[in-house]
Amino acid sequence: QVQLVESGGGLGQAGGSLRLSCAASGRTFSSSFMGWFRQVPGKEREFVAAINRSGGSTFYADSVKGRFTISRDNAKNTVYLQMNSLKPEDTAVYYCAADPTGYYRSVGYNYWGQGTQVTVSS
């Protein structure tokens, strides 16, 4: 079992930055492939970014590439999402997830956090 708790959401301004954190507990964090997703009301949850177990490989949705950076600190059992150059369309509830059951860009992950709201004002 893995428990995930996101933090760091809130209100940001267009062009500004926010950093999300996802603290993991339970089984060994360093063995977990991690992802960030986001969802707005009425829409499907969408892939944002992912990172492999060592942190040596990262993956991004086209909509955030060059603006967002995913990273992890296995010593702290935490994965981060640094969000720069924010846009109003980045407004969503952001979720971290662990252990994909299939393709990492799909929502088929074994473990999910409760989500944190990010609102970007123009």
N, C-alpha and C. Protein backbone atom coordinates (compact mmCIF):
# COMPACT_ATOMS: atom_id res chain seq x y z
N GLN A 1 0.84 -1.20 0.00
CA GLN A 1 0.00 0.00 0.00
C GLN A 1 0.86 1.24 0.00
N VAL A 2 0.40 2.25 -0.70
CA VAL A 2 1.06 3.55 -0.73
C VAL A 2 0.01 4.61 -0.42
N GLN A 3 0.30 5.49 0.51
CA GLN A 3 -0.58 6.63 0.79
C GLN A 3 0.08 7.89 0.24
N LEU A 4 -0.71 8.70 -0.44
CA LEU A 4 -0.20 9.91 -1.09
C LEU A 4 -0.96 11.14 -0.60
N VAL A 5 -0.23 12.18 -0.24
CA VAL A 5 -0.85 13.42 0.22
C VAL A 5 -0.24 14.59 -0.53
N GLU A 6 -1.06 15.28 -1.30
CA GLU A 6 -0.59 16.45 -2.06
C GLU A 6 -0.70 17.71 -1.21
N SER A 7 0.14 18.67 -1.52
CA SER A 7 0.09 19.99 -0.89
C SER A 7 0.69 21.01 -1.84
N GLY A 8 0.49 22.28 -1.52
CA GLY A 8 1.11 23.33 -2.30
C GLY A 8 0.19 24.01 -3.30
N GLY A 9 -1.03 23.54 -3.41
CA GLY A 9 -1.96 24.20 -4.31
C GLY A 9 -2.41 25.53 -3.76
N GLY A 10 -3.20 26.22 -4.53
CA GLY A 10 -3.69 27.52 -4.09
C GLY A 10 -3.94 28.42 -5.28
N LEU A 11 -3.88 29.71 -5.00
CA LEU A 11 -4.15 30.71 -6.03
C LEU A 11 -2.84 31.25 -6.58
N GLY A 12 -2.72 31.23 -7.89
CA GLY A 12 -1.56 31.80 -8.54
C GLY A 12 -1.99 32.77 -9.62
N GLN A 13 -1.07 33.58 -10.06
CA GLN A 13 -1.35 34.54 -11.12
C GLN A 13 -0.78 34.05 -12.44
N ALA A 14 -1.41 34.46 -13.52
CA ALA A 14 -0.88 34.12 -14.83
C ALA A 14 0.55 34.63 -14.95
N GLY A 15 1.42 33.75 -15.42
CA GLY A 15 2.83 34.09 -15.52
C GLY A 15 3.63 33.77 -14.27
N GLY A 16 2.94 33.43 -13.21
CA GLY A 16 3.60 33.13 -11.94
C GLY A 16 3.95 31.67 -11.80
N SER A 17 4.29 31.29 -10.57
CA SER A 17 4.74 29.92 -10.29
C SER A 17 4.08 29.38 -9.03
N LEU A 18 3.93 28.08 -9.01
CA LEU A 18 3.52 27.33 -7.83
C LEU A 18 4.30 26.02 -7.83
N ARG A 19 4.51 25.47 -6.64
CA ARG A 19 5.13 24.16 -6.54
C ARG A 19 4.24 23.24 -5.73
N LEU A 20 3.91 22.12 -6.32
CA LEU A 20 3.13 21.09 -5.64
C LEU A 20 4.08 20.02 -5.10
N SER A 21 3.69 19.48 -3.96
CA SER A 21 4.42 18.37 -3.37
C SER A 21 3.46 17.20 -3.16
N CYS A 22 4.01 16.02 -3.21
CA CYS A 22 3.24 14.81 -2.94
C CYS A 22 4.09 13.92 -2.04
N ALA A 23 3.66 13.81 -0.80
CA ALA A 23 4.38 13.00 0.17
C ALA A 23 3.81 11.59 0.18
N ALA A 24 4.68 10.61 0.10
CA ALA A 24 4.26 9.22 0.05
C ALA A 24 4.65 8.49 1.33
N SER A 25 3.81 7.58 1.74
CA SER A 25 4.13 6.73 2.88
C SER A 25 3.64 5.33 2.56
N GLY A 26 4.13 4.38 3.31
CA GLY A 26 3.76 3.00 3.05
C GLY A 26 4.96 2.23 2.56
N ARG A 27 4.80 1.53 1.47
CA ARG A 27 5.90 0.72 0.95
C ARG A 27 6.99 1.63 0.39
N THR A 28 8.08 1.08 -0.01
CA THR A 28 9.25 1.83 -0.44
C THR A 28 8.90 2.76 -1.61
N PHE A 29 9.04 4.04 -1.37
CA PHE A 29 8.69 5.05 -2.37
C PHE A 29 9.58 4.93 -3.59
N SER A 30 10.84 4.61 -3.37
CA SER A 30 11.79 4.61 -4.48
C SER A 30 11.47 3.54 -5.51
N SER A 31 10.58 2.60 -5.19
CA SER A 31 10.21 1.57 -6.16
C SER A 31 8.99 1.97 -6.97
N SER A 32 8.48 3.18 -6.75
CA SER A 32 7.23 3.61 -7.40
C SER A 32 7.48 4.59 -8.53
N PHE A 33 6.93 4.27 -9.69
CA PHE A 33 6.85 5.21 -10.81
C PHE A 33 5.71 6.16 -10.45
N MET A 34 5.96 7.47 -10.59
CA MET A 34 5.00 8.47 -10.11
C MET A 34 4.48 9.34 -11.24
N GLY A 35 3.24 9.79 -11.10
CA GLY A 35 2.65 10.67 -12.09
C GLY A 35 1.86 11.79 -11.45
N TRP A 36 1.68 12.87 -12.19
CA TRP A 36 0.78 13.96 -11.83
C TRP A 36 -0.30 14.04 -12.90
N PHE A 37 -1.53 14.21 -12.45
CA PHE A 37 -2.67 14.38 -13.33
C PHE A 37 -3.46 15.60 -12.87
N ARG A 38 -4.37 16.07 -13.70
CA ARG A 38 -5.24 17.15 -13.30
C ARG A 38 -6.63 16.95 -13.89
N GLN A 39 -7.59 17.58 -13.23
CA GLN A 39 -8.98 17.42 -13.66
C GLN A 39 -9.77 18.69 -13.37
N VAL A 40 -10.57 19.08 -14.35
CA VAL A 40 -11.52 20.17 -14.16
C VAL A 40 -12.91 19.58 -14.19
N PRO A 41 -13.88 20.24 -13.55
CA PRO A 41 -15.24 19.71 -13.51
C PRO A 41 -15.79 19.46 -14.91
N GLY A 42 -16.38 18.30 -15.08
CA GLY A 42 -17.00 17.98 -16.35
C GLY A 42 -16.06 17.41 -17.39
N LYS A 43 -14.78 17.32 -17.05
CA LYS A 43 -13.81 16.77 -18.00
C LYS A 43 -13.10 15.58 -17.40
N GLU A 44 -12.49 14.78 -18.26
CA GLU A 44 -11.76 13.62 -17.79
C GLU A 44 -10.43 14.06 -17.16
N ARG A 45 -9.97 13.24 -16.26
CA ARG A 45 -8.66 13.48 -15.65
C ARG A 45 -7.60 13.31 -16.74
N GLU A 46 -6.66 14.25 -16.78
CA GLU A 46 -5.66 14.21 -17.85
C GLU A 46 -4.24 14.14 -17.30
N PHE A 47 -3.40 13.50 -18.05
CA PHE A 47 -1.99 13.35 -17.70
C PHE A 47 -1.27 14.69 -17.76
N VAL A 48 -0.41 14.92 -16.78
CA VAL A 48 0.40 16.14 -16.76
C VAL A 48 1.89 15.80 -16.88
N ALA A 49 2.37 14.94 -16.00
CA ALA A 49 3.80 14.61 -16.00
C ALA A 49 4.01 13.30 -15.26
N ALA A 50 5.15 12.68 -15.51
CA ALA A 50 5.50 11.44 -14.83
C ALA A 50 7.01 11.35 -14.69
N ILE A 51 7.44 10.53 -13.75
CA ILE A 51 8.85 10.37 -13.47
C ILE A 51 9.14 8.93 -13.10
N ASN A 52 10.26 8.41 -13.58
CA ASN A 52 10.56 7.00 -13.28
C ASN A 52 11.13 6.87 -11.87
N ARG A 53 11.45 5.64 -11.50
CA ARG A 53 11.83 5.36 -10.12
C ARG A 53 13.08 6.09 -9.67
N SER A 54 14.04 6.20 -10.54
CA SER A 54 15.30 6.85 -10.17
C SER A 54 15.25 8.36 -10.31
N GLY A 55 14.26 8.85 -11.07
CA GLY A 55 14.21 10.27 -11.37
C GLY A 55 14.99 10.63 -12.62
N GLY A 56 15.57 9.64 -13.26
CA GLY A 56 16.40 9.90 -14.42
C GLY A 56 15.62 10.14 -15.71
N SER A 57 14.36 9.76 -15.72
CA SER A 57 13.52 9.97 -16.91
C SER A 57 12.24 10.67 -16.51
N THR A 58 11.89 11.70 -17.26
CA THR A 58 10.66 12.45 -17.01
C THR A 58 9.86 12.55 -18.30
N PHE A 59 8.56 12.75 -18.14
CA PHE A 59 7.65 12.75 -19.28
C PHE A 59 6.60 13.83 -19.04
N TYR A 60 6.20 14.52 -20.10
CA TYR A 60 5.28 15.64 -19.95
C TYR A 60 4.19 15.64 -21.02
N ALA A 61 3.04 16.15 -20.64
CA ALA A 61 2.03 16.47 -21.63
C ALA A 61 2.51 17.66 -22.45
N ASP A 62 2.10 17.71 -23.70
CA ASP A 62 2.53 18.81 -24.57
C ASP A 62 2.10 20.16 -24.00
N SER A 63 0.97 20.18 -23.32
CA SER A 63 0.41 21.44 -22.82
C SER A 63 1.25 22.07 -21.71
N VAL A 64 2.12 21.28 -21.07
CA VAL A 64 2.91 21.81 -19.96
C VAL A 64 4.41 21.73 -20.22
N LYS A 65 4.80 21.11 -21.32
CA LYS A 65 6.22 20.93 -21.61
C LYS A 65 6.91 22.29 -21.71
N GLY A 66 8.04 22.41 -21.02
CA GLY A 66 8.77 23.66 -21.02
C GLY A 66 8.34 24.62 -19.93
N ARG A 67 7.21 24.34 -19.28
CA ARG A 67 6.73 25.20 -18.18
C ARG A 67 6.73 24.47 -16.84
N PHE A 68 6.43 23.19 -16.85
CA PHE A 68 6.36 22.40 -15.62
C PHE A 68 7.56 21.46 -15.55
N THR A 69 7.98 21.19 -14.31
CA THR A 69 9.08 20.26 -14.08
C THR A 69 8.70 19.30 -12.96
N ILE A 70 8.78 18.02 -13.25
CA ILE A 70 8.55 17.01 -12.22
C ILE A 70 9.89 16.54 -11.69
N SER A 71 9.95 16.31 -10.39
CA SER A 71 11.18 15.82 -9.78
C SER A 71 10.80 15.00 -8.55
N ARG A 72 11.77 14.31 -8.01
CA ARG A 72 11.50 13.50 -6.82
C ARG A 72 12.71 13.49 -5.92
N ASP A 73 12.45 13.31 -4.64
CA ASP A 73 13.50 13.15 -3.64
C ASP A 73 13.18 11.85 -2.91
N ASN A 74 13.87 10.78 -3.29
CA ASN A 74 13.54 9.48 -2.69
C ASN A 74 13.91 9.43 -1.21
N ALA A 75 14.85 10.24 -0.79
CA ALA A 75 15.21 10.27 0.63
C ALA A 75 14.08 10.88 1.47
N LYS A 76 13.29 11.75 0.84
CA LYS A 76 12.18 12.40 1.54
C LYS A 76 10.82 11.80 1.16
N ASN A 77 10.84 10.78 0.31
CA ASN A 77 9.60 10.14 -0.13
C ASN A 77 8.62 11.15 -0.72
N THR A 78 9.13 12.04 -1.54
CA THR A 78 8.31 13.13 -2.06
C THR A 78 8.57 13.34 -3.54
N VAL A 79 7.50 13.61 -4.26
CA VAL A 79 7.59 14.01 -5.66
C VAL A 79 7.04 15.42 -5.77
N TYR A 80 7.63 16.20 -6.66
CA TYR A 80 7.29 17.62 -6.80
C TYR A 80 6.81 17.91 -8.22
N LEU A 81 6.03 18.96 -8.33
CA LEU A 81 5.68 19.50 -9.63
C LEU A 81 5.86 21.01 -9.56
N GLN A 82 6.95 21.47 -10.17
CA GLN A 82 7.20 22.90 -10.24
C GLN A 82 6.47 23.45 -11.46
N MET A 83 5.59 24.40 -11.23
CA MET A 83 4.77 24.95 -12.30
C MET A 83 5.14 26.41 -12.51
N ASN A 84 5.71 26.71 -13.65
CA ASN A 84 6.11 28.08 -14.00
C ASN A 84 5.26 28.57 -15.16
N SER A 85 5.31 29.87 -15.39
CA SER A 85 4.58 30.48 -16.50
C SER A 85 3.13 30.01 -16.52
N LEU A 86 2.50 30.08 -15.37
CA LEU A 86 1.15 29.57 -15.23
C LEU A 86 0.18 30.29 -16.16
N LYS A 87 -0.83 29.52 -16.59
CA LYS A 87 -1.88 30.05 -17.44
C LYS A 87 -3.23 29.77 -16.78
N PRO A 88 -4.24 30.58 -17.07
CA PRO A 88 -5.57 30.30 -16.49
C PRO A 88 -6.06 28.90 -16.81
N GLU A 89 -5.68 28.37 -17.97
CA GLU A 89 -6.12 27.02 -18.33
C GLU A 89 -5.41 25.93 -17.53
N ASP A 90 -4.47 26.28 -16.69
CA ASP A 90 -3.86 25.31 -15.77
C ASP A 90 -4.73 25.10 -14.53
N THR A 91 -5.77 25.90 -14.38
CA THR A 91 -6.68 25.75 -13.25
C THR A 91 -7.32 24.37 -13.25
N ALA A 92 -7.16 23.65 -12.14
CA ALA A 92 -7.67 22.28 -12.04
C ALA A 92 -7.37 21.76 -10.64
N VAL A 93 -7.93 20.60 -10.34
CA VAL A 93 -7.48 19.84 -9.18
C VAL A 93 -6.35 18.94 -9.66
N TYR A 94 -5.23 19.00 -8.97
CA TYR A 94 -4.05 18.23 -9.34
C TYR A 94 -3.92 17.02 -8.41
N TYR A 95 -3.68 15.87 -9.01
CA TYR A 95 -3.55 14.63 -8.27
C TYR A 95 -2.18 13.99 -8.54
N CYS A 96 -1.58 13.45 -7.51
CA CYS A 96 -0.42 12.60 -7.77
C CYS A 96 -0.86 11.15 -7.70
N ALA A 97 -0.11 10.31 -8.39
CA ALA A 97 -0.47 8.91 -8.50
C ALA A 97 0.80 8.06 -8.51
N ALA A 98 0.65 6.82 -8.06
CA ALA A 98 1.79 5.90 -8.00
C ALA A 98 1.43 4.57 -8.65
N ASP A 99 2.45 3.98 -9.28
CA ASP A 99 2.35 2.63 -9.83
C ASP A 99 1.30 2.48 -10.93
N PRO A 100 1.64 2.88 -12.14
CA PRO A 100 0.72 2.69 -13.25
C PRO A 100 0.51 1.20 -13.52
N THR A 101 -0.70 0.84 -13.86
CA THR A 101 -1.01 -0.56 -14.20
C THR A 101 -0.79 -0.84 -15.67
N GLY A 102 -0.66 0.22 -16.45
CA GLY A 102 -0.43 0.06 -17.88
C GLY A 102 0.36 1.25 -18.39
N TYR A 103 -0.11 1.86 -19.46
CA TYR A 103 0.57 3.02 -20.03
C TYR A 103 0.56 4.17 -19.03
N TYR A 104 1.69 4.78 -18.79
CA TYR A 104 1.81 5.75 -17.71
C TYR A 104 1.00 7.01 -17.95
N ARG A 105 0.60 7.29 -19.20
CA ARG A 105 -0.19 8.49 -19.48
C ARG A 105 -1.68 8.25 -19.25
N SER A 106 -2.06 7.02 -19.00
CA SER A 106 -3.47 6.73 -18.73
C SER A 106 -3.72 6.85 -17.23
N VAL A 107 -4.98 6.82 -16.84
CA VAL A 107 -5.33 6.99 -15.44
C VAL A 107 -5.31 5.69 -14.67
N GLY A 108 -4.80 4.63 -15.25
CA GLY A 108 -4.78 3.33 -14.58
C GLY A 108 -3.63 3.20 -13.59
N TYR A 109 -3.62 4.00 -12.55
CA TYR A 109 -2.61 3.90 -11.49
C TYR A 109 -3.24 3.22 -10.27
N ASN A 110 -2.41 2.53 -9.51
CA ASN A 110 -2.91 1.82 -8.33
C ASN A 110 -3.25 2.73 -7.17
N TYR A 111 -2.52 3.82 -7.03
CA TYR A 111 -2.69 4.69 -5.85
C TYR A 111 -2.83 6.15 -6.27
N TRP A 112 -3.72 6.84 -5.58
CA TRP A 112 -3.99 8.25 -5.86
C TRP A 112 -4.03 9.05 -4.58
N GLY A 113 -3.61 10.31 -4.68
CA GLY A 113 -3.81 11.24 -3.58
C GLY A 113 -5.21 11.82 -3.65
N GLN A 114 -5.50 12.69 -2.69
CA GLN A 114 -6.85 13.27 -2.60
C GLN A 114 -7.02 14.49 -3.50
N GLY A 115 -5.91 15.01 -4.02
CA GLY A 115 -5.97 16.15 -4.91
C GLY A 115 -5.77 17.47 -4.20
N THR A 116 -5.24 18.44 -4.94
CA THR A 116 -5.07 19.79 -4.42
C THR A 116 -5.49 20.78 -5.51
N GLN A 117 -6.25 21.78 -5.11
CA GLN A 117 -6.79 22.74 -6.08
C GLN A 117 -5.74 23.77 -6.46
N VAL A 118 -5.61 23.99 -7.75
CA VAL A 118 -4.78 25.07 -8.28
C VAL A 118 -5.67 25.99 -9.09
N THR A 119 -5.67 27.26 -8.76
CA THR A 119 -6.47 28.25 -9.47
C THR A 119 -5.54 29.35 -9.96
N VAL A 120 -5.58 29.61 -11.25
CA VAL A 120 -4.71 30.62 -11.85
C VAL A 120 -5.57 31.77 -12.35
N SER A 121 -5.33 32.94 -11.83
CA SER A 121 -6.10 34.11 -12.24
C SER A 121 -5.38 34.85 -13.36
N SER A 122 -6.16 35.45 -14.22
CA SER A 122 -5.57 36.17 -15.37
C SER A 122 -5.26 37.61 -15.01
